[in-house]
Amino acid sequence: MNQFELLRHITSNFDETLKEAFEKRMFLSSPLVESKLELGLDIYDKQHEIDYIKGIVAQFPPELSLKANSLWASLTRMSRSQQYRYLLKNK
């Protein structure tokens, strides 16, 4: 296996790991919204989301922070969307 094939293989493994993590994160949206409702919390807490994303992004080197911010902002939006969808479907 040459270096290119090896790097492609490694990238594919990372992609599979990311896919599995993404699916798990999205599936957690349903129990998460149920827990929020039980605790009387809002589905969307803007400041919490901002602080959460900042905390994640701070763990990345500066050259990746902009892309990490974009990724986690997208993930939190998708998760919130799943929560609202679940709420509309089940309440």
N, C-alpha and C. Protein backbone atom coordinates (compact mmCIF):
# COMPACT_ATOMS: atom_id res chain seq x y z
N MET A 1 0.86 -1.17 0.00
CA MET A 1 0.00 0.00 0.00
C MET A 1 0.91 1.24 0.00
N ASN A 2 0.72 2.11 -0.97
CA ASN A 2 1.54 3.32 -0.99
C ASN A 2 0.98 4.37 -0.03
N GLN A 3 1.71 5.45 0.13
CA GLN A 3 1.33 6.46 1.11
C GLN A 3 -0.05 7.04 0.81
N PHE A 4 -0.33 7.31 -0.44
CA PHE A 4 -1.63 7.85 -0.82
C PHE A 4 -2.76 6.91 -0.41
N GLU A 5 -2.63 5.64 -0.72
CA GLU A 5 -3.66 4.65 -0.36
C GLU A 5 -3.81 4.54 1.15
N LEU A 6 -2.68 4.58 1.85
CA LEU A 6 -2.72 4.53 3.30
C LEU A 6 -3.47 5.73 3.88
N LEU A 7 -3.15 6.91 3.37
CA LEU A 7 -3.82 8.13 3.86
C LEU A 7 -5.31 8.10 3.53
N ARG A 8 -5.67 7.61 2.37
CA ARG A 8 -7.08 7.47 2.01
C ARG A 8 -7.78 6.50 2.97
N HIS A 9 -7.11 5.41 3.28
CA HIS A 9 -7.66 4.42 4.20
C HIS A 9 -7.87 5.03 5.59
N ILE A 10 -6.89 5.73 6.07
CA ILE A 10 -7.00 6.39 7.39
C ILE A 10 -8.14 7.40 7.38
N THR A 11 -8.23 8.20 6.31
CA THR A 11 -9.31 9.18 6.20
C THR A 11 -10.67 8.50 6.20
N SER A 12 -10.79 7.39 5.49
CA SER A 12 -12.06 6.65 5.46
C SER A 12 -12.43 6.14 6.85
N ASN A 13 -11.44 5.69 7.61
CA ASN A 13 -11.71 5.24 8.98
C ASN A 13 -12.18 6.40 9.85
N PHE A 14 -11.56 7.56 9.70
CA PHE A 14 -12.00 8.74 10.45
C PHE A 14 -13.42 9.12 10.04
N ASP A 15 -13.71 9.07 8.75
CA ASP A 15 -15.06 9.40 8.28
C ASP A 15 -16.10 8.46 8.87
N GLU A 16 -15.78 7.18 8.95
CA GLU A 16 -16.71 6.22 9.54
C GLU A 16 -16.93 6.54 11.02
N THR A 17 -15.87 6.87 11.73
CA THR A 17 -15.99 7.24 13.14
C THR A 17 -16.85 8.49 13.29
N LEU A 18 -16.62 9.48 12.43
CA LEU A 18 -17.42 10.71 12.48
C LEU A 18 -18.89 10.43 12.17
N LYS A 19 -19.14 9.57 11.21
CA LYS A 19 -20.52 9.21 10.85
C LYS A 19 -21.23 8.58 12.04
N GLU A 20 -20.56 7.65 12.70
CA GLU A 20 -21.15 6.98 13.86
C GLU A 20 -21.40 7.97 15.00
N ALA A 21 -20.45 8.86 15.24
CA ALA A 21 -20.61 9.86 16.29
C ALA A 21 -21.77 10.82 15.96
N PHE A 22 -21.87 11.20 14.70
CA PHE A 22 -22.95 12.09 14.28
C PHE A 22 -24.31 11.42 14.49
N GLU A 23 -24.44 10.18 14.08
CA GLU A 23 -25.70 9.46 14.28
C GLU A 23 -26.06 9.38 15.76
N LYS A 24 -25.10 9.04 16.59
CA LYS A 24 -25.35 8.95 18.03
C LYS A 24 -25.77 10.30 18.59
N ARG A 25 -25.11 11.36 18.15
CA ARG A 25 -25.44 12.70 18.64
C ARG A 25 -26.86 13.08 18.24
N MET A 26 -27.24 12.79 17.02
CA MET A 26 -28.59 13.13 16.57
C MET A 26 -29.65 12.29 17.28
N PHE A 27 -29.36 11.01 17.52
CA PHE A 27 -30.32 10.16 18.22
C PHE A 27 -30.51 10.59 19.67
N LEU A 28 -29.53 11.27 20.24
CA LEU A 28 -29.68 11.78 21.61
C LEU A 28 -30.64 12.96 21.71
N SER A 29 -31.01 13.52 20.57
CA SER A 29 -31.89 14.69 20.58
C SER A 29 -33.24 14.39 21.23
N SER A 30 -33.79 13.21 20.99
CA SER A 30 -35.10 12.87 21.56
C SER A 30 -35.07 12.80 23.08
N PRO A 31 -34.17 12.00 23.68
CA PRO A 31 -34.15 11.98 25.14
C PRO A 31 -33.70 13.32 25.74
N LEU A 32 -32.90 14.06 25.00
CA LEU A 32 -32.46 15.36 25.49
C LEU A 32 -33.63 16.33 25.61
N VAL A 33 -34.48 16.39 24.60
CA VAL A 33 -35.62 17.30 24.66
C VAL A 33 -36.60 16.85 25.75
N GLU A 34 -36.76 15.56 25.92
CA GLU A 34 -37.62 15.06 27.01
C GLU A 34 -37.09 15.50 28.37
N SER A 35 -35.78 15.38 28.55
CA SER A 35 -35.17 15.81 29.82
C SER A 35 -35.32 17.30 30.03
N LYS A 36 -35.14 18.08 28.97
CA LYS A 36 -35.32 19.53 29.09
C LYS A 36 -36.74 19.87 29.52
N LEU A 37 -37.71 19.20 28.92
CA LEU A 37 -39.10 19.46 29.27
C LEU A 37 -39.39 19.08 30.72
N GLU A 38 -38.87 17.95 31.16
CA GLU A 38 -39.07 17.51 32.54
C GLU A 38 -38.48 18.51 33.53
N LEU A 39 -37.36 19.11 33.16
CA LEU A 39 -36.70 20.08 34.04
C LEU A 39 -37.22 21.50 33.86
N GLY A 40 -38.13 21.70 32.93
CA GLY A 40 -38.68 23.02 32.67
C GLY A 40 -37.71 23.94 31.96
N LEU A 41 -36.77 23.37 31.23
CA LEU A 41 -35.78 24.17 30.50
C LEU A 41 -36.27 24.48 29.10
N ASP A 42 -35.80 25.59 28.56
CA ASP A 42 -36.09 25.92 27.17
C ASP A 42 -35.30 25.00 26.26
N ILE A 43 -35.86 24.72 25.10
CA ILE A 43 -35.13 23.91 24.13
C ILE A 43 -33.91 24.67 23.64
N TYR A 44 -34.07 25.96 23.42
CA TYR A 44 -32.96 26.77 22.93
C TYR A 44 -32.54 27.77 23.99
N ASP A 45 -31.32 27.64 24.42
CA ASP A 45 -30.71 28.58 25.36
C ASP A 45 -29.50 29.18 24.65
N LYS A 46 -29.72 30.36 24.07
CA LYS A 46 -28.70 30.98 23.23
C LYS A 46 -27.36 31.11 23.93
N GLN A 47 -27.36 31.61 25.15
CA GLN A 47 -26.09 31.83 25.85
C GLN A 47 -25.38 30.51 26.16
N HIS A 48 -26.15 29.51 26.55
CA HIS A 48 -25.54 28.20 26.81
C HIS A 48 -24.89 27.65 25.54
N GLU A 49 -25.60 27.80 24.42
CA GLU A 49 -25.06 27.30 23.16
C GLU A 49 -23.77 28.05 22.78
N ILE A 50 -23.77 29.35 22.94
CA ILE A 50 -22.58 30.15 22.64
C ILE A 50 -21.42 29.71 23.52
N ASP A 51 -21.68 29.57 24.82
CA ASP A 51 -20.63 29.16 25.75
C ASP A 51 -20.13 27.75 25.44
N TYR A 52 -21.04 26.86 25.09
CA TYR A 52 -20.68 25.49 24.76
C TYR A 52 -19.75 25.47 23.55
N ILE A 53 -20.13 26.17 22.50
CA ILE A 53 -19.33 26.20 21.29
C ILE A 53 -17.96 26.82 21.56
N LYS A 54 -17.94 27.91 22.30
CA LYS A 54 -16.66 28.55 22.65
C LYS A 54 -15.76 27.59 23.41
N GLY A 55 -16.33 26.82 24.32
CA GLY A 55 -15.56 25.85 25.09
C GLY A 55 -14.95 24.77 24.22
N ILE A 56 -15.72 24.29 23.26
CA ILE A 56 -15.20 23.28 22.34
C ILE A 56 -14.11 23.87 21.46
N VAL A 57 -14.39 25.02 20.87
CA VAL A 57 -13.45 25.66 19.94
C VAL A 57 -12.13 26.00 20.63
N ALA A 58 -12.19 26.35 21.89
CA ALA A 58 -10.97 26.70 22.63
C ALA A 58 -10.00 25.53 22.74
N GLN A 59 -10.48 24.32 22.51
CA GLN A 59 -9.63 23.14 22.59
C GLN A 59 -8.84 22.88 21.31
N PHE A 60 -9.13 23.64 20.28
CA PHE A 60 -8.46 23.46 18.99
C PHE A 60 -7.33 24.47 18.82
N PRO A 61 -6.34 24.12 18.02
CA PRO A 61 -5.29 25.10 17.72
C PRO A 61 -5.89 26.25 16.90
N PRO A 62 -5.30 27.43 16.98
CA PRO A 62 -5.86 28.61 16.31
C PRO A 62 -6.16 28.40 14.83
N GLU A 63 -5.33 27.65 14.13
CA GLU A 63 -5.53 27.48 12.70
C GLU A 63 -6.78 26.63 12.37
N LEU A 64 -7.34 25.95 13.37
CA LEU A 64 -8.55 25.17 13.16
C LEU A 64 -9.78 25.76 13.83
N SER A 65 -9.61 26.82 14.59
CA SER A 65 -10.72 27.34 15.40
C SER A 65 -11.91 27.82 14.56
N LEU A 66 -11.67 28.47 13.45
CA LEU A 66 -12.77 28.96 12.63
C LEU A 66 -13.59 27.80 12.06
N LYS A 67 -12.91 26.79 11.58
CA LYS A 67 -13.61 25.62 11.03
C LYS A 67 -14.31 24.84 12.15
N ALA A 68 -13.68 24.73 13.30
CA ALA A 68 -14.30 24.04 14.43
C ALA A 68 -15.55 24.78 14.87
N ASN A 69 -15.47 26.10 14.91
CA ASN A 69 -16.64 26.90 15.29
C ASN A 69 -17.79 26.66 14.31
N SER A 70 -17.49 26.64 13.05
CA SER A 70 -18.51 26.40 12.03
C SER A 70 -19.12 25.02 12.19
N LEU A 71 -18.28 24.01 12.42
CA LEU A 71 -18.76 22.65 12.58
C LEU A 71 -19.67 22.52 13.79
N TRP A 72 -19.23 23.01 14.95
CA TRP A 72 -20.04 22.85 16.15
C TRP A 72 -21.29 23.72 16.13
N ALA A 73 -21.23 24.87 15.51
CA ALA A 73 -22.44 25.69 15.35
C ALA A 73 -23.45 24.93 14.50
N SER A 74 -22.99 24.28 13.45
CA SER A 74 -23.88 23.48 12.60
C SER A 74 -24.44 22.29 13.37
N LEU A 75 -23.60 21.61 14.11
CA LEU A 75 -24.06 20.46 14.89
C LEU A 75 -25.12 20.85 15.91
N THR A 76 -24.90 21.94 16.60
CA THR A 76 -25.89 22.35 17.62
C THR A 76 -27.20 22.78 16.96
N ARG A 77 -27.11 23.43 15.80
CA ARG A 77 -28.33 23.80 15.07
C ARG A 77 -29.10 22.55 14.62
N MET A 78 -28.36 21.57 14.10
CA MET A 78 -29.02 20.34 13.66
C MET A 78 -29.65 19.60 14.83
N SER A 79 -28.96 19.57 15.96
CA SER A 79 -29.49 18.91 17.15
C SER A 79 -30.75 19.61 17.63
N ARG A 80 -30.72 20.93 17.66
CA ARG A 80 -31.89 21.70 18.09
C ARG A 80 -33.06 21.45 17.13
N SER A 81 -32.77 21.40 15.85
CA SER A 81 -33.81 21.12 14.86
C SER A 81 -34.44 19.75 15.10
N GLN A 82 -33.60 18.77 15.40
CA GLN A 82 -34.11 17.42 15.72
C GLN A 82 -34.99 17.47 16.97
N GLN A 83 -34.59 18.26 17.95
CA GLN A 83 -35.37 18.37 19.17
C GLN A 83 -36.75 18.98 18.89
N TYR A 84 -36.79 20.05 18.12
CA TYR A 84 -38.07 20.67 17.77
C TYR A 84 -38.93 19.71 16.95
N ARG A 85 -38.32 19.01 16.01
CA ARG A 85 -39.05 18.04 15.20
C ARG A 85 -39.67 16.95 16.07
N TYR A 86 -38.88 16.46 17.02
CA TYR A 86 -39.38 15.43 17.93
C TYR A 86 -40.54 15.98 18.75
N LEU A 87 -40.38 17.19 19.22
CA LEU A 87 -41.42 17.82 20.05
C LEU A 87 -42.72 17.97 19.25
N LEU A 88 -42.63 18.45 18.04
CA LEU A 88 -43.83 18.62 17.21
C LEU A 88 -44.50 17.29 16.89
N LYS A 89 -43.70 16.28 16.70
CA LYS A 89 -44.25 14.97 16.35
C LYS A 89 -44.86 14.24 17.54
N ASN A 90 -44.35 14.48 18.74
CA ASN A 90 -44.74 13.68 19.90
C ASN A 90 -45.54 14.42 20.97
N LYS A 91 -45.80 15.67 20.79
CA LYS A 91 -46.54 16.41 21.83
C LYS A 91 -47.81 16.98 21.30
